[in-house]
N, C-alpha and C. Protein backbone atom coordinates (compact mmCIF):
# COMPACT_ATOMS: atom_id res chain seq x y z
N MET A 1 9.59 6.68 -4.43
CA MET A 1 8.53 6.13 -5.25
C MET A 1 8.12 7.16 -6.30
N THR A 2 7.87 6.69 -7.49
CA THR A 2 7.54 7.57 -8.61
C THR A 2 6.07 7.93 -8.59
N ASP A 3 5.77 9.21 -8.72
CA ASP A 3 4.38 9.67 -8.79
C ASP A 3 3.96 9.70 -10.25
N TRP A 4 3.44 8.58 -10.73
CA TRP A 4 3.07 8.46 -12.14
C TRP A 4 1.87 9.33 -12.47
N GLY A 5 1.01 9.59 -11.51
CA GLY A 5 -0.16 10.43 -11.76
C GLY A 5 0.22 11.82 -12.24
N THR A 6 1.19 12.43 -11.59
CA THR A 6 1.61 13.76 -12.02
C THR A 6 2.51 13.69 -13.25
N LEU A 7 3.29 12.62 -13.36
CA LEU A 7 4.17 12.49 -14.52
C LEU A 7 3.36 12.29 -15.80
N LEU A 8 2.21 11.64 -15.69
CA LEU A 8 1.35 11.39 -16.86
C LEU A 8 0.17 12.35 -16.90
N SER A 9 0.37 13.56 -16.42
CA SER A 9 -0.73 14.52 -16.28
C SER A 9 -1.08 15.28 -17.55
N SER A 10 -0.24 15.21 -18.58
CA SER A 10 -0.55 15.92 -19.82
C SER A 10 -0.30 15.00 -21.01
N LYS A 11 -0.93 15.32 -22.13
CA LYS A 11 -0.77 14.50 -23.33
C LYS A 11 0.68 14.48 -23.81
N LYS A 12 1.36 15.61 -23.68
CA LYS A 12 2.76 15.68 -24.09
C LYS A 12 3.61 14.73 -23.25
N ASN A 13 3.39 14.74 -21.93
CA ASN A 13 4.15 13.85 -21.05
C ASN A 13 3.84 12.39 -21.33
N VAL A 14 2.57 12.08 -21.59
CA VAL A 14 2.19 10.70 -21.90
C VAL A 14 2.91 10.24 -23.16
N SER A 15 2.96 11.11 -24.15
CA SER A 15 3.64 10.79 -25.40
C SER A 15 5.12 10.51 -25.16
N LEU A 16 5.77 11.34 -24.37
CA LEU A 16 7.19 11.15 -24.06
C LEU A 16 7.42 9.85 -23.31
N VAL A 17 6.57 9.57 -22.32
CA VAL A 17 6.72 8.34 -21.54
C VAL A 17 6.49 7.13 -22.44
N GLU A 18 5.50 7.20 -23.35
CA GLU A 18 5.27 6.09 -24.28
C GLU A 18 6.49 5.85 -25.17
N GLN A 19 7.05 6.91 -25.71
CA GLN A 19 8.23 6.76 -26.56
C GLN A 19 9.37 6.10 -25.80
N PHE A 20 9.56 6.50 -24.55
CA PHE A 20 10.60 5.92 -23.72
C PHE A 20 10.29 4.45 -23.41
N ALA A 21 9.06 4.18 -22.98
CA ALA A 21 8.68 2.84 -22.54
C ALA A 21 8.77 1.81 -23.65
N PHE A 22 8.46 2.21 -24.87
CA PHE A 22 8.43 1.25 -25.97
C PHE A 22 9.68 1.30 -26.85
N GLY A 23 10.75 1.92 -26.34
CA GLY A 23 12.05 1.83 -26.99
C GLY A 23 12.34 2.84 -28.08
N ASP A 24 11.47 3.83 -28.26
CA ASP A 24 11.70 4.84 -29.29
C ASP A 24 12.56 5.99 -28.78
N MET A 25 12.92 5.96 -27.51
CA MET A 25 13.70 7.05 -26.91
C MET A 25 14.67 6.45 -25.89
N SER A 26 15.88 6.95 -25.90
CA SER A 26 16.88 6.47 -24.94
C SER A 26 16.65 7.11 -23.57
N GLY A 27 17.31 6.57 -22.57
CA GLY A 27 17.21 7.13 -21.23
C GLY A 27 17.73 8.55 -21.17
N ASN A 28 18.81 8.81 -21.88
CA ASN A 28 19.40 10.14 -21.90
C ASN A 28 18.46 11.16 -22.54
N THR A 29 17.84 10.78 -23.65
CA THR A 29 16.89 11.67 -24.32
C THR A 29 15.66 11.90 -23.46
N PHE A 30 15.20 10.85 -22.80
CA PHE A 30 14.05 10.94 -21.89
C PHE A 30 14.36 11.91 -20.76
N TYR A 31 15.53 11.76 -20.17
CA TYR A 31 15.97 12.66 -19.09
C TYR A 31 16.04 14.09 -19.60
N SER A 32 16.60 14.28 -20.78
CA SER A 32 16.74 15.63 -21.35
C SER A 32 15.39 16.26 -21.65
N ALA A 33 14.43 15.46 -22.07
CA ALA A 33 13.09 15.99 -22.39
C ALA A 33 12.41 16.58 -21.16
N PHE A 34 12.73 16.05 -19.99
CA PHE A 34 12.09 16.52 -18.76
C PHE A 34 12.98 17.46 -17.94
N SER A 35 14.21 17.69 -18.39
CA SER A 35 15.09 18.57 -17.62
C SER A 35 14.54 19.99 -17.64
N ASN A 36 14.73 20.70 -16.55
CA ASN A 36 14.23 22.06 -16.37
C ASN A 36 12.71 22.15 -16.46
N THR A 37 12.04 21.08 -16.07
CA THR A 37 10.58 21.10 -15.99
C THR A 37 10.18 20.74 -14.57
N GLN A 38 8.91 20.81 -14.32
CA GLN A 38 8.35 20.49 -13.01
C GLN A 38 8.59 19.02 -12.64
N HIS A 39 8.68 18.15 -13.66
CA HIS A 39 8.81 16.71 -13.42
C HIS A 39 10.24 16.19 -13.60
N GLY A 40 11.18 17.09 -13.79
CA GLY A 40 12.56 16.69 -14.02
C GLY A 40 13.14 15.86 -12.89
N GLY A 41 12.87 16.24 -11.66
CA GLY A 41 13.37 15.51 -10.51
C GLY A 41 12.81 14.11 -10.41
N THR A 42 11.54 13.96 -10.75
CA THR A 42 10.90 12.65 -10.72
C THR A 42 11.56 11.71 -11.72
N VAL A 43 11.80 12.21 -12.93
CA VAL A 43 12.42 11.40 -13.98
C VAL A 43 13.86 11.06 -13.59
N ARG A 44 14.57 12.03 -13.07
CA ARG A 44 15.96 11.81 -12.67
C ARG A 44 16.04 10.74 -11.59
N THR A 45 15.19 10.84 -10.59
CA THR A 45 15.16 9.85 -9.51
C THR A 45 14.79 8.48 -10.04
N LEU A 46 13.83 8.41 -10.93
CA LEU A 46 13.41 7.14 -11.52
C LEU A 46 14.59 6.46 -12.21
N LEU A 47 15.30 7.20 -13.05
CA LEU A 47 16.42 6.62 -13.79
C LEU A 47 17.59 6.26 -12.89
N ARG A 48 17.88 7.10 -11.89
CA ARG A 48 19.00 6.81 -11.00
C ARG A 48 18.70 5.64 -10.07
N THR A 49 17.46 5.51 -9.64
CA THR A 49 17.10 4.45 -8.71
C THR A 49 17.00 3.09 -9.40
N TYR A 50 16.33 3.05 -10.56
CA TYR A 50 16.02 1.78 -11.19
C TYR A 50 16.82 1.47 -12.45
N GLY A 51 17.51 2.45 -13.01
CA GLY A 51 18.22 2.21 -14.25
C GLY A 51 17.26 2.29 -15.43
N VAL A 52 17.80 2.33 -16.62
CA VAL A 52 16.99 2.55 -17.82
C VAL A 52 16.08 1.36 -18.12
N THR A 53 16.61 0.16 -18.08
CA THR A 53 15.83 -1.02 -18.47
C THR A 53 14.62 -1.22 -17.57
N TYR A 54 14.82 -1.18 -16.26
CA TYR A 54 13.71 -1.39 -15.34
C TYR A 54 12.77 -0.19 -15.35
N SER A 55 13.29 1.01 -15.58
CA SER A 55 12.44 2.20 -15.68
C SER A 55 11.48 2.09 -16.86
N LYS A 56 11.96 1.52 -17.96
CA LYS A 56 11.09 1.32 -19.12
C LYS A 56 9.98 0.34 -18.78
N ARG A 57 10.32 -0.70 -18.06
CA ARG A 57 9.32 -1.68 -17.65
C ARG A 57 8.28 -1.05 -16.73
N LEU A 58 8.73 -0.24 -15.78
CA LEU A 58 7.81 0.45 -14.88
C LEU A 58 6.92 1.42 -15.63
N ALA A 59 7.47 2.10 -16.63
CA ALA A 59 6.70 3.04 -17.43
C ALA A 59 5.61 2.31 -18.21
N ARG A 60 5.94 1.15 -18.77
CA ARG A 60 4.93 0.36 -19.49
C ARG A 60 3.81 -0.07 -18.55
N LYS A 61 4.18 -0.49 -17.35
CA LYS A 61 3.18 -0.88 -16.36
C LYS A 61 2.27 0.29 -15.99
N ALA A 62 2.88 1.44 -15.76
CA ALA A 62 2.12 2.63 -15.38
C ALA A 62 1.15 3.03 -16.49
N LEU A 63 1.62 3.01 -17.73
CA LEU A 63 0.76 3.35 -18.85
C LEU A 63 -0.39 2.37 -18.98
N GLY A 64 -0.11 1.11 -18.83
CA GLY A 64 -1.14 0.08 -18.93
C GLY A 64 -2.17 0.19 -17.83
N ARG A 65 -1.74 0.45 -16.62
CA ARG A 65 -2.66 0.55 -15.49
C ARG A 65 -3.54 1.79 -15.55
N ARG A 66 -3.07 2.79 -16.27
CA ARG A 66 -3.85 4.01 -16.42
C ARG A 66 -4.60 4.04 -17.75
N SER A 67 -4.47 2.98 -18.52
CA SER A 67 -5.16 2.84 -19.81
C SER A 67 -4.94 4.03 -20.72
N VAL A 68 -3.72 4.54 -20.75
CA VAL A 68 -3.41 5.67 -21.62
C VAL A 68 -2.50 5.28 -22.76
N THR A 69 -2.07 4.04 -22.79
CA THR A 69 -1.11 3.61 -23.80
C THR A 69 -1.80 3.34 -25.14
N THR A 70 -1.11 3.68 -26.20
CA THR A 70 -1.62 3.43 -27.53
C THR A 70 -0.84 2.31 -28.21
N GLY A 71 0.27 1.89 -27.57
CA GLY A 71 1.16 0.89 -28.17
C GLY A 71 0.88 -0.47 -27.79
């Protein structure tokens, strides 16, 4: 299960997740943005478990439920 609370813990991370969720960033770029960071494993697991399309949908849901989305 993805821990969205920690993944969306900073403005930079929220911006990256928004770009991914709304189609401005590919799955590969999203994965690369988080590689070698504290949240890299979470992103990797998310993409491997659900695939890019469903991961984007989950990211949009997470952003909406936390009222942090600007899109």
